[in-house]
Amino acid sequence: MSTASETTATVTTIPSKTDTAAQTKKKRLTIVGVVVGAIAIYAIYDYFFFVSTDNAQVQGNTVILNARVSGFVSKVLVEEGQKVKAGDVLVEIDAKDYKSRTSQSENELGSVVARAKDAEVNYHRIQKLFEDGAVSAQQRDSALATYQEFARKREALEAQLDVTKNSMNDTQLRAPSNGTIAKKSAEIGMLASPGTPLIGFVSSDSRWIVANFKETDLGRLKVGQKVSVSVDAIPGRKFDGEVESFNPATGAIFSLLPPDNATGNFTKVVQRVPTRIKLLNINPEDIEILRAGLSAVVEVKVH
């Protein structure tokens, strides 16, 4: 009986190009589906837990410092970008005329004070004589009238002296607080008058954010909610804040040309409501880099 050797042959199946393409397409579709699903989940999460807007700006206390008295500018002591402290003299207006008026008022007041004091002494003397029956009521009344007249003149001259002193003090334009000179319009020799803008000033006391949220988002916002703020000019840094208040009117109400919806050509536009965001735990260095007017992105956590 003969034994036959059986040889088992292993057959290797080589996938066709059609199968390879199908598998590659399937993998790609799977990856795309995962990415789309992740994006959808993130979008749903972001919608339900956050309200955000990129229509926001850093704000600070900015003011145009105007001249309060008339005169020629004699000194300009600051330059644009210079940091100053509260009370520092920024601009001086020629004060010679105001010093002369102050001196004149002081001299007139001194003279009237002396005469008022003499009239007072005379009145009290005549009043005593009147009580003793030594003088008539007419003399007493005349002395009283003279005393009251000089007393009123003294009060008027004291008020006038205060005005002239204030005017002399106003010849020096001072910084209202610690801050930075943003714009300098004053030049030596220019004629200033009350209301003439001389210095653009930005205070370094505080910074906050004004975010313009859509009216459709207001129902999800309330005072005290936590806020994350990103500033375009400071990449990689986020600032903590909270919703502080909502403007009682939309931005369109206070625009230069408020919309008139009664004209008949009405097109509904989603309005924006300015919302004040308080920045938390910022220090002087943060205030330095948070320049007023910078664009910001605000994200409010609503849940």
C-alpha atoms as a PDB file:
ATOM      1  CA  MET A   1       0.000   0.000   0.000  1.00  0.00           C
ATOM      2  CA  SER A   2       1.594   3.188  -1.078  1.00  0.00           C
ATOM      3  CA  THR A   3       1.527   6.462   0.894  1.00  0.00           C
ATOM      4  CA  ALA A   4       0.867   9.664  -1.072  1.00  0.00           C
ATOM      5  CA  SER A   5       2.386  12.887   0.179  1.00  0.00           C
ATOM      6  CA  GLU A   6      -0.172  15.593   0.296  1.00  0.00           C
ATOM      7  CA  THR A   7       1.173  19.063  -0.167  1.00  0.00           C
ATOM      8  CA  THR A   8      -0.965  21.863   1.159  1.00  0.00           C
ATOM      9  CA  ALA A   9      -0.532  24.928  -0.949  1.00  0.00           C
ATOM     10  CA  THR A  10      -1.196  28.334   0.609  1.00  0.00           C
ATOM     11  CA  VAL A  11      -2.825  30.747  -1.792  1.00  0.00           C
ATOM     12  CA  THR A  12      -2.233  34.486  -1.152  1.00  0.00           C
ATOM     13  CA  THR A  13      -5.093  36.659  -2.303  1.00  0.00           C
ATOM     14  CA  ILE A  14      -3.961  40.024  -3.702  1.00  0.00           C
ATOM     15  CA  PRO A  15      -6.660  42.725  -3.318  1.00  0.00           C
ATOM     16  CA  SER A  16      -7.672  44.397  -6.480  1.00  0.00           C
ATOM     17  CA  LYS A  17      -7.311  48.131  -7.116  1.00  0.00           C
ATOM     18  CA  THR A  18     -11.063  48.524  -6.796  1.00  0.00           C
ATOM     19  CA  ASP A  19     -11.063  47.040  -3.274  1.00  0.00           C
ATOM     20  CA  THR A  20      -8.124  49.247  -2.198  1.00  0.00           C
ATOM     21  CA  ALA A  21      -9.829  52.392  -3.431  1.00  0.00           C
ATOM     22  CA  ALA A  22     -13.039  51.444  -1.658  1.00  0.00           C
ATOM     23  CA  GLN A  23     -11.221  50.881   1.630  1.00  0.00           C
ATOM     24  CA  THR A  24      -9.362  54.194   1.302  1.00  0.00           C
ATOM     25  CA  LYS A  25     -12.612  56.001   0.554  1.00  0.00           C
ATOM     26  CA  LYS A  26     -14.259  54.351   3.532  1.00  0.00           C
ATOM     27  CA  LYS A  27     -11.426  55.436   5.833  1.00  0.00           C
ATOM     28  CA  ARG A  28     -11.619  58.974   4.529  1.00  0.00           C
ATOM     29  CA  LEU A  29     -15.378  59.094   5.013  1.00  0.00           C
ATOM     30  CA  THR A  30     -14.940  57.739   8.512  1.00  0.00           C
ATOM     31  CA  ILE A  31     -12.382  60.427   9.344  1.00  0.00           C
ATOM     32  CA  VAL A  32     -14.574  63.135   7.837  1.00  0.00           C
ATOM     33  CA  GLY A  33     -17.570  61.836   9.778  1.00  0.00           C
ATOM     34  CA  VAL A  34     -15.610  61.871  13.035  1.00  0.00           C
ATOM     35  CA  VAL A  35     -14.381  65.427  12.387  1.00  0.00           C
ATOM     36  CA  VAL A  36     -17.856  66.644  11.414  1.00  0.00           C
ATOM     37  CA  GLY A  37     -19.332  64.949  14.461  1.00  0.00           C
ATOM     38  CA  ALA A  38     -16.739  66.521  16.756  1.00  0.00           C
ATOM     39  CA  ILE A  39     -17.390  69.929  15.246  1.00  0.00           C
ATOM     40  CA  ALA A  40     -21.142  69.458  15.636  1.00  0.00           C
ATOM     41  CA  ILE A  41     -20.764  68.381  19.261  1.00  0.00           C
ATOM     42  CA  TYR A  42     -18.510  71.358  19.983  1.00  0.00           C
ATOM     43  CA  ALA A  43     -20.915  73.736  18.248  1.00  0.00           C
ATOM     44  CA  ILE A  44     -23.843  72.393  20.263  1.00  0.00           C
ATOM     45  CA  TYR A  45     -21.836  72.592  23.481  1.00  0.00           C
ATOM     46  CA  ASP A  46     -20.680  76.128  22.666  1.00  0.00           C
ATOM     47  CA  TYR A  47     -24.218  77.250  21.810  1.00  0.00           C
ATOM     48  CA  PHE A  48     -25.780  75.958  25.010  1.00  0.00           C
ATOM     49  CA  PHE A  49     -23.021  76.973  27.425  1.00  0.00           C
ATOM     50  CA  PHE A  50     -21.526  80.164  25.953  1.00  0.00           C
ATOM     51  CA  VAL A  51     -22.524  83.429  24.268  1.00  0.00           C
ATOM     52  CA  SER A  52     -19.725  85.193  22.420  1.00  0.00           C
ATOM     53  CA  THR A  53     -19.109  88.216  20.236  1.00  0.00           C
ATOM     54  CA  ASP A  54     -16.146  89.803  18.522  1.00  0.00           C
ATOM     55  CA  ASN A  55     -17.919  93.175  18.440  1.00  0.00           C
ATOM     56  CA  ALA A  56     -16.168  94.462  21.549  1.00  0.00           C
ATOM     57  CA  GLN A  57     -13.558  97.019  22.514  1.00  0.00           C
ATOM     58  CA  VAL A  58     -11.335  97.900  25.443  1.00  0.00           C
ATOM     59  CA  GLN A  59     -12.486 101.112  27.110  1.00  0.00           C
ATOM     60  CA  GLY A  60     -10.861 103.529  29.547  1.00  0.00           C
ATOM     61  CA  ASN A  61     -11.475 106.967  30.983  1.00  0.00           C
ATOM     62  CA  THR A  62     -10.533 109.271  28.114  1.00  0.00           C
ATOM     63  CA  VAL A  63     -11.025 113.016  28.117  1.00  0.00           C
ATOM     64  CA  ILE A  64     -10.122 116.083  26.092  1.00  0.00           C
ATOM     65  CA  LEU A  65      -8.641 118.702  28.419  1.00  0.00           C
ATOM     66  CA  ASN A  66      -9.758 122.156  27.298  1.00  0.00           C
ATOM     67  CA  ALA A  67      -8.551 125.627  28.197  1.00  0.00           C
ATOM     68  CA  ARG A  68     -10.703 127.294  30.859  1.00  0.00           C
ATOM     69  CA  VAL A  69      -9.385 130.832  30.410  1.00  0.00           C
ATOM     70  CA  SER A  70      -8.246 132.995  27.506  1.00  0.00           C
ATOM     71  CA  GLY A  71      -4.611 133.737  26.814  1.00  0.00           C
ATOM     72  CA  PHE A  72      -1.493 132.779  24.903  1.00  0.00           C
ATOM     73  CA  VAL A  73       0.074 129.395  25.637  1.00  0.00           C
ATOM     74  CA  SER A  74       3.431 130.089  27.272  1.00  0.00           C
ATOM     75  CA  LYS A  75       4.604 126.552  28.118  1.00  0.00           C
ATOM     76  CA  VAL A  76       3.853 123.012  26.923  1.00  0.00           C
ATOM     77  CA  LEU A  77       5.423 120.587  29.391  1.00  0.00           C
ATOM     78  CA  VAL A  78       4.433 117.197  27.934  1.00  0.00           C
ATOM     79  CA  GLU A  79       4.720 115.141  24.772  1.00  0.00           C
ATOM     80  CA  GLU A  80       2.433 112.522  23.267  1.00  0.00           C
ATOM     81  CA  GLY A  81       2.869 109.146  24.938  1.00  0.00           C
ATOM     82  CA  GLN A  82       4.278 110.666  28.134  1.00  0.00           C
ATOM     83  CA  LYS A  83       3.073 109.266  31.445  1.00  0.00           C
ATOM     84  CA  VAL A  84       1.977 111.818  34.035  1.00  0.00           C
ATOM     85  CA  LYS A  85       0.692 111.807  37.586  1.00  0.00           C
ATOM     86  CA  ALA A  86      -2.405 113.444  39.005  1.00  0.00           C
ATOM     87  CA  GLY A  87      -1.822 117.186  39.460  1.00  0.00           C
ATOM     88  CA  ASP A  88       1.128 117.467  37.087  1.00  0.00           C
ATOM     89  CA  VAL A  89       1.128 120.715  35.081  1.00  0.00           C
ATOM     90  CA  LEU A  90       0.686 119.929  31.391  1.00  0.00           C
ATOM     91  CA  VAL A  91       0.207 123.352  29.780  1.00  0.00           C
ATOM     92  CA  GLU A  92       0.622 126.923  31.053  1.00  0.00           C
ATOM     93  CA  ILE A  93      -1.202 129.983  29.733  1.00  0.00           C
ATOM     94  CA  ASP A  94       0.309 133.439  30.218  1.00  0.00           C
ATOM     95  CA  ALA A  95      -0.933 134.550  33.647  1.00  0.00           C
ATOM     96  CA  LYS A  96       0.286 138.188  33.833  1.00  0.00           C
ATOM     97  CA  ASP A  97      -3.186 139.678  33.322  1.00  0.00           C
ATOM     98  CA  TYR A  98      -4.740 137.331  35.867  1.00  0.00           C
ATOM     99  CA  LYS A  99      -2.053 138.124  38.451  1.00  0.00           C
ATOM    100  CA  SER A 100      -2.734 141.835  37.977  1.00  0.00           C
ATOM    101  CA  ARG A 101      -6.472 141.359  38.410  1.00  0.00           C
ATOM    102  CA  THR A 102      -5.895 139.281  41.525  1.00  0.00           C
ATOM    103  CA  SER A 103      -3.619 141.928  43.003  1.00  0.00           C
ATOM    104  CA  GLN A 104      -6.167 144.639  42.230  1.00  0.00           C
ATOM    105  CA  SER A 105      -8.983 142.640  43.817  1.00  0.00           C
ATOM    106  CA  GLU A 106      -6.873 142.014  46.940  1.00  0.00           C
ATOM    107  CA  ASN A 107      -6.149 145.740  47.312  1.00  0.00           C
ATOM    108  CA  GLU A 108      -9.806 146.704  46.861  1.00  0.00           C
ATOM    109  CA  LEU A 109     -10.876 144.061  49.341  1.00  0.00           C
ATOM    110  CA  GLY A 110      -8.311 145.235  51.901  1.00  0.00           C
ATOM    111  CA  SER A 111      -9.607 148.797  51.664  1.00  0.00           C
ATOM    112  CA  VAL A 112     -13.254 147.761  52.002  1.00  0.00           C
ATOM    113  CA  VAL A 113     -12.485 145.410  54.910  1.00  0.00           C
ATOM    114  CA  ALA A 114     -10.863 148.277  56.797  1.00  0.00           C
ATOM    115  CA  ARG A 115     -13.808 150.594  56.144  1.00  0.00           C
ATOM    116  CA  ALA A 116     -16.311 147.849  57.009  1.00  0.00           C
ATOM    117  CA  LYS A 117     -14.548 147.244  60.306  1.00  0.00           C
ATOM    118  CA  ASP A 118     -14.613 150.974  61.084  1.00  0.00           C
ATOM    119  CA  ALA A 119     -18.319 151.145  60.149  1.00  0.00           C
ATOM    120  CA  GLU A 120     -19.047 148.186  62.417  1.00  0.00           C
ATOM    121  CA  VAL A 121     -17.271 149.794  65.367  1.00  0.00           C
ATOM    122  CA  ASN A 122     -19.079 153.074  64.706  1.00  0.00           C
ATOM    123  CA  TYR A 123     -22.453 151.314  64.511  1.00  0.00           C
ATOM    124  CA  HIS A 124     -21.965 149.509  67.832  1.00  0.00           C
ATOM    125  CA  ARG A 125     -20.894 152.791  69.479  1.00  0.00           C
ATOM    126  CA  ILE A 126     -23.935 154.679  68.181  1.00  0.00           C
ATOM    127  CA  GLN A 127     -26.206 151.769  69.105  1.00  0.00           C
ATOM    128  CA  LYS A 128     -25.004 152.033  72.706  1.00  0.00           C
ATOM    129  CA  LEU A 129     -25.507 155.799  72.677  1.00  0.00           C
ATOM    130  CA  PHE A 130     -28.982 155.270  71.248  1.00  0.00           C
ATOM    131  CA  GLU A 131     -29.816 152.906  74.106  1.00  0.00           C
ATOM    132  CA  ASP A 132     -28.628 155.593  76.523  1.00  0.00           C
ATOM    133  CA  GLY A 133     -30.817 158.160  74.733  1.00  0.00           C
ATOM    134  CA  ALA A 134     -27.839 160.246  73.567  1.00  0.00           C
ATOM    135  CA  VAL A 135     -28.526 159.956  69.815  1.00  0.00           C
ATOM    136  CA  SER A 136     -31.612 159.742  67.658  1.00  0.00           C
ATOM    137  CA  ALA A 137     -32.966 156.660  65.902  1.00  0.00           C
ATOM    138  CA  GLN A 138     -32.136 158.297  62.578  1.00  0.00           C
ATOM    139  CA  GLN A 139     -28.455 158.447  63.476  1.00  0.00           C
ATOM    140  CA  ARG A 140     -28.542 154.840  64.613  1.00  0.00           C
ATOM    141  CA  ASP A 141     -30.258 153.734  61.385  1.00  0.00           C
ATOM    142  CA  SER A 142     -27.778 155.711  59.285  1.00  0.00           C
ATOM    143  CA  ALA A 143     -24.825 154.015  61.017  1.00  0.00           C
ATOM    144  CA  LEU A 144     -26.459 150.609  60.543  1.00  0.00           C
ATOM    145  CA  ALA A 145     -27.040 151.245  56.835  1.00  0.00           C
ATOM    146  CA  THR A 146     -23.402 152.279  56.362  1.00  0.00           C
ATOM    147  CA  TYR A 147     -22.195 149.178  58.181  1.00  0.00           C
ATOM    148  CA  GLN A 148     -24.425 146.865  56.117  1.00  0.00           C
ATOM    149  CA  GLU A 149     -23.377 148.555  52.873  1.00  0.00           C
ATOM    150  CA  PHE A 150     -19.671 147.954  53.526  1.00  0.00           C
ATOM    151  CA  ALA A 151     -20.383 144.387  54.682  1.00  0.00           C
ATOM    152  CA  ARG A 152     -22.113 143.655  51.359  1.00  0.00           C
ATOM    153  CA  LYS A 153     -19.251 145.268  49.426  1.00  0.00           C
ATOM    154  CA  ARG A 154     -16.810 143.089  51.342  1.00  0.00           C
ATOM    155  CA  GLU A 155     -18.741 139.931  50.448  1.00  0.00           C
ATOM    156  CA  ALA A 156     -18.901 140.959  46.787  1.00  0.00           C
ATOM    157  CA  LEU A 157     -15.167 141.679  46.633  1.00  0.00           C
ATOM    158  CA  GLU A 158     -14.372 138.404  48.395  1.00  0.00           C
ATOM    159  CA  ALA A 159     -16.368 136.548  45.731  1.00  0.00           C
ATOM    160  CA  GLN A 160     -14.641 138.553  43.001  1.00  0.00           C
ATOM    161  CA  LEU A 161     -11.246 137.697  44.492  1.00  0.00           C
ATOM    162  CA  ASP A 162     -12.152 134.007  44.489  1.00  0.00           C
ATOM    163  CA  VAL A 163     -13.046 134.237  40.801  1.00  0.00           C
ATOM    164  CA  THR A 164      -9.777 135.948  39.890  1.00  0.00           C
ATOM    165  CA  LYS A 165      -7.763 133.437  41.932  1.00  0.00           C
ATOM    166  CA  ASN A 166      -9.553 130.559  40.248  1.00  0.00           C
ATOM    167  CA  SER A 167      -8.871 132.105  36.844  1.00  0.00           C
ATOM    168  CA  MET A 168      -5.196 132.444  37.719  1.00  0.00           C
ATOM    169  CA  ASN A 169      -5.096 128.799  38.820  1.00  0.00           C
ATOM    170  CA  ASP A 170      -6.814 127.807  35.588  1.00  0.00           C
ATOM    171  CA  THR A 171      -3.903 129.185  33.587  1.00  0.00           C
ATOM    172  CA  GLN A 172      -2.190 125.918  34.545  1.00  0.00           C
ATOM    173  CA  LEU A 173      -3.776 122.876  32.901  1.00  0.00           C
ATOM    174  CA  ARG A 174      -3.196 119.893  35.210  1.00  0.00           C
ATOM    175  CA  ALA A 175      -3.608 116.130  34.849  1.00  0.00           C
ATOM    176  CA  PRO A 176      -6.889 115.010  36.463  1.00  0.00           C
ATOM    177  CA  SER A 177      -5.425 111.627  37.421  1.00  0.00           C
ATOM    178  CA  ASN A 178      -2.532 109.302  36.678  1.00  0.00           C
ATOM    179  CA  GLY A 179      -2.465 108.583  32.977  1.00  0.00           C
ATOM    180  CA  THR A 180      -0.889 109.056  29.568  1.00  0.00           C
ATOM    181  CA  ILE A 181      -0.894 111.917  27.079  1.00  0.00           C
ATOM    182  CA  ALA A 182      -2.640 110.549  23.992  1.00  0.00           C
ATOM    183  CA  LYS A 183      -2.757 113.729  21.893  1.00  0.00           C
ATOM    184  CA  LYS A 184      -1.151 117.133  22.172  1.00  0.00           C
ATOM    185  CA  SER A 185      -2.832 120.046  20.399  1.00  0.00           C
ATOM    186  CA  ALA A 186      -1.264 122.858  22.438  1.00  0.00           C
ATOM    187  CA  GLU A 187       1.663 124.778  20.953  1.00  0.00           C
ATOM    188  CA  ILE A 188       3.630 127.649  22.438  1.00  0.00           C
ATOM    189  CA  GLY A 189       2.286 130.965  21.205  1.00  0.00           C
ATOM    190  CA  MET A 190      -1.189 129.773  20.214  1.00  0.00           C
ATOM    191  CA  LEU A 191      -4.125 131.811  21.475  1.00  0.00           C
ATOM    192  CA  ALA A 192      -6.384 129.680  23.648  1.00  0.00           C
ATOM    193  CA  SER A 193      -9.910 130.532  24.678  1.00  0.00           C
ATOM    194  CA  PRO A 194     -12.337 128.723  26.986  1.00  0.00           C
ATOM    195  CA  GLY A 195     -13.218 125.407  25.344  1.00  0.00           C
ATOM    196  CA  THR A 196     -10.124 125.175  23.133  1.00  0.00           C
ATOM    197  CA  PRO A 197      -8.944 121.504  23.152  1.00  0.00           C
ATOM    198  CA  LEU A 198      -5.322 121.309  24.288  1.00  0.00           C
ATOM    199  CA  ILE A 199      -4.595 117.777  25.504  1.00  0.00           C
ATOM    200  CA  GLY A 200      -6.096 114.323  24.833  1.00  0.00           C
ATOM    201  CA  PHE A 201      -5.726 112.347  28.057  1.00  0.00           C
ATOM    202  CA  VAL A 202      -6.215 108.656  28.916  1.00  0.00           C
ATOM    203  CA  SER A 203      -6.440 107.739  32.582  1.00  0.00           C
ATOM    204  CA  SER A 204      -4.560 104.698  33.884  1.00  0.00           C
ATOM    205  CA  ASP A 205      -6.972 104.131  36.769  1.00  0.00           C
ATOM    206  CA  SER A 206      -9.067 101.389  35.168  1.00  0.00           C
ATOM    207  CA  ARG A 207     -10.044  99.472  32.035  1.00  0.00           C
ATOM    208  CA  TRP A 208     -13.233  97.681  31.059  1.00  0.00           C
ATOM    209  CA  ILE A 209     -14.801  96.090  27.990  1.00  0.00           C
ATOM    210  CA  VAL A 210     -17.867  97.230  26.083  1.00  0.00           C
ATOM    211  CA  ALA A 211     -19.295  94.261  24.170  1.00  0.00           C
ATOM    212  CA  ASN A 212     -22.144  94.735  21.706  1.00  0.00           C
ATOM    213  CA  PHE A 213     -24.294  91.616  21.978  1.00  0.00           C
ATOM    214  CA  LYS A 214     -27.145  90.774  19.631  1.00  0.00           C
ATOM    215  CA  GLU A 215     -30.587  91.449  21.025  1.00  0.00           C
ATOM    216  CA  THR A 216     -31.404  87.769  20.436  1.00  0.00           C
ATOM    217  CA  ASP A 217     -28.722  86.807  22.986  1.00  0.00           C
ATOM    218  CA  LEU A 218     -29.922  89.065  25.806  1.00  0.00           C
ATOM    219  CA  GLY A 219     -32.317  86.485  27.187  1.00  0.00           C
ATOM    220  CA  ARG A 220     -29.358  84.261  28.060  1.00  0.00           C
ATOM    221  CA  LEU A 221     -27.276  86.981  29.692  1.00  0.00           C
ATOM    222  CA  LYS A 222     -27.449  88.426  33.179  1.00  0.00           C
ATOM    223  CA  VAL A 223     -25.342  90.536  35.517  1.00  0.00           C
ATOM    224  CA  GLY A 224     -22.615  88.615  37.334  1.00  0.00           C
ATOM    225  CA  GLN A 225     -21.950  85.921  34.713  1.00  0.00           C
ATOM    226  CA  LYS A 226     -18.294  84.977  34.234  1.00  0.00           C
ATOM    227  CA  VAL A 227     -16.571  86.214  31.102  1.00  0.00           C
ATOM    228  CA  SER A 228     -13.407  85.283  29.224  1.00  0.00           C
ATOM    229  CA  VAL A 229     -11.845  88.113  27.200  1.00  0.00           C
ATOM    230  CA  SER A 230      -9.266  87.809  24.429  1.00  0.00           C
ATOM    231  CA  VAL A 231      -7.637  90.915  22.973  1.00  0.00           C
ATOM    232  CA  ASP A 232      -6.423  90.804  19.377  1.00  0.00           C
ATOM    233  CA  ALA A 233      -3.300  92.810  20.175  1.00  0.00           C
ATOM    234  CA  ILE A 234      -2.301  90.443  23.029  1.00  0.00           C
ATOM    235  CA  PRO A 235      -2.282  86.907  21.551  1.00  0.00           C
ATOM    236  CA  GLY A 236      -2.153  83.956  23.921  1.00  0.00           C
ATOM    237  CA  ARG A 237      -3.548  85.893  26.878  1.00  0.00           C
ATOM    238  CA  LYS A 238      -7.046  85.693  28.316  1.00  0.00           C
ATOM    239  CA  PHE A 239      -8.503  88.075  30.879  1.00  0.00           C
ATOM    240  CA  ASP A 240     -11.175  87.161  33.402  1.00  0.00           C
ATOM    241  CA  GLY A 241     -14.222  89.347  33.821  1.00  0.00           C
ATOM    242  CA  GLU A 242     -17.902  89.446  34.637  1.00  0.00           C
ATOM    243  CA  VAL A 243     -20.997  91.066  33.187  1.00  0.00           C
ATOM    244  CA  GLU A 244     -21.462  94.361  35.028  1.00  0.00           C
ATOM    245  CA  SER A 245     -24.389  96.112  33.338  1.00  0.00           C
ATOM    246  CA  PHE A 246     -26.483  96.441  30.191  1.00  0.00           C
ATOM    247  CA  ASN A 247     -27.105  99.671  28.358  1.00  0.00           C
ATOM    248  CA  PRO A 248     -30.794 100.709  28.560  1.00  0.00           C
ATOM    249  CA  ALA A 249     -30.801 101.445  24.811  1.00  0.00           C
ATOM    250  CA  THR A 250     -29.367  99.898  21.676  1.00  0.00           C
ATOM    251  CA  GLY A 251     -26.385 101.436  19.946  1.00  0.00           C
ATOM    252  CA  ALA A 252     -28.557 102.702  17.104  1.00  0.00           C
ATOM    253  CA  ILE A 253     -30.538 104.996  19.398  1.00  0.00           C
ATOM    254  CA  PHE A 254     -27.535 107.223  20.123  1.00  0.00           C
ATOM    255  CA  SER A 255     -26.041 107.116  16.637  1.00  0.00           C
ATOM    256  CA  LEU A 256     -25.577 110.312  14.666  1.00  0.00           C
ATOM    257  CA  LEU A 257     -28.574 109.463  12.472  1.00  0.00           C
ATOM    258  CA  PRO A 258     -30.966 107.199  14.410  1.00  0.00           C
ATOM    259  CA  PRO A 259     -33.043 104.953  12.118  1.00  0.00           C
ATOM    260  CA  ASP A 260     -36.599 106.054  11.412  1.00  0.00           C
ATOM    261  CA  ASN A 261     -38.699 102.918  11.046  1.00  0.00           C
ATOM    262  CA  ALA A 262     -41.849 104.920  10.325  1.00  0.00           C
ATOM    263  CA  THR A 263     -40.776 105.800   6.786  1.00  0.00           C
ATOM    264  CA  GLY A 264     -42.319 102.648   5.307  1.00  0.00           C
ATOM    265  CA  ASN A 265     -39.020 101.239   4.026  1.00  0.00           C
ATOM    266  CA  PHE A 266     -38.554  99.011   7.051  1.00  0.00           C
ATOM    267  CA  THR A 267     -36.004  96.223   7.019  1.00  0.00           C
ATOM    268  CA  LYS A 268     -35.575  94.307  10.246  1.00  0.00           C
ATOM    269  CA  VAL A 269     -31.976  94.333  11.445  1.00  0.00           C
ATOM    270  CA  VAL A 270     -30.793  92.542  14.568  1.00  0.00           C
ATOM    271  CA  GLN A 271     -29.876  95.296  17.008  1.00  0.00           C
ATOM    272  CA  ARG A 272     -26.835  95.367  19.279  1.00  0.00           C
ATOM    273  CA  VAL A 273     -26.956  96.254  22.969  1.00  0.00           C
ATOM    274  CA  PRO A 274     -23.766  97.663  24.566  1.00  0.00           C
ATOM    275  CA  THR A 275     -22.823  95.581  27.606  1.00  0.00           C
ATOM    276  CA  ARG A 276     -20.200  96.611  30.146  1.00  0.00           C
ATOM    277  CA  ILE A 277     -17.741  93.893  31.146  1.00  0.00           C
ATOM    278  CA  LYS A 278     -15.751  94.375  34.346  1.00  0.00           C
ATOM    279  CA  LEU A 279     -12.182  93.070  34.123  1.00  0.00           C
ATOM    280  CA  LEU A 280     -11.080  91.174  37.219  1.00  0.00           C
ATOM    281  CA  ASN A 281      -7.661  91.005  38.868  1.00  0.00           C
ATOM    282  CA  ILE A 282      -5.859  93.330  36.458  1.00  0.00           C
ATOM    283  CA  ASN A 283      -2.738  95.154  37.611  1.00  0.00           C
ATOM    284  CA  PRO A 284      -1.032  98.364  36.418  1.00  0.00           C
ATOM    285  CA  GLU A 285       0.994  96.363  33.889  1.00  0.00           C
ATOM    286  CA  ASP A 286      -2.219  94.956  32.408  1.00  0.00           C
ATOM    287  CA  ILE A 287      -3.729  98.439  32.213  1.00  0.00           C
ATOM    288  CA  GLU A 288      -0.607  99.572  30.385  1.00  0.00           C
ATOM    289  CA  ILE A 289      -1.048  97.022  27.585  1.00  0.00           C
ATOM    290  CA  LEU A 290      -4.849  97.262  27.478  1.00  0.00           C
ATOM    291  CA  ARG A 291      -4.999 100.396  25.393  1.00  0.00           C
ATOM    292  CA  ALA A 292      -8.383 102.044  24.984  1.00  0.00           C
ATOM    293  CA  GLY A 293      -9.991 101.152  21.677  1.00  0.00           C
ATOM    294  CA  LEU A 294      -8.361  97.732  21.146  1.00  0.00           C
ATOM    295  CA  SER A 295     -10.582  95.060  19.621  1.00  0.00           C
ATOM    296  CA  ALA A 296     -11.586  92.152  21.832  1.00  0.00           C
ATOM    297  CA  VAL A 297     -13.464  88.864  21.711  1.00  0.00           C
ATOM    298  CA  VAL A 298     -15.841  88.237  24.632  1.00  0.00           C
ATOM    299  CA  GLU A 299     -17.154  84.829  25.657  1.00  0.00           C
ATOM    300  CA  VAL A 300     -19.798  84.671  28.408  1.00  0.00           C
ATOM    301  CA  LYS A 301     -20.436  81.421  30.263  1.00  0.00           C
ATOM    302  CA  VAL A 302     -24.221  81.173  30.548  1.00  0.00           C
ATOM    303  CA  HIS A 303     -24.423  77.761  32.278  1.00  0.00           C
END
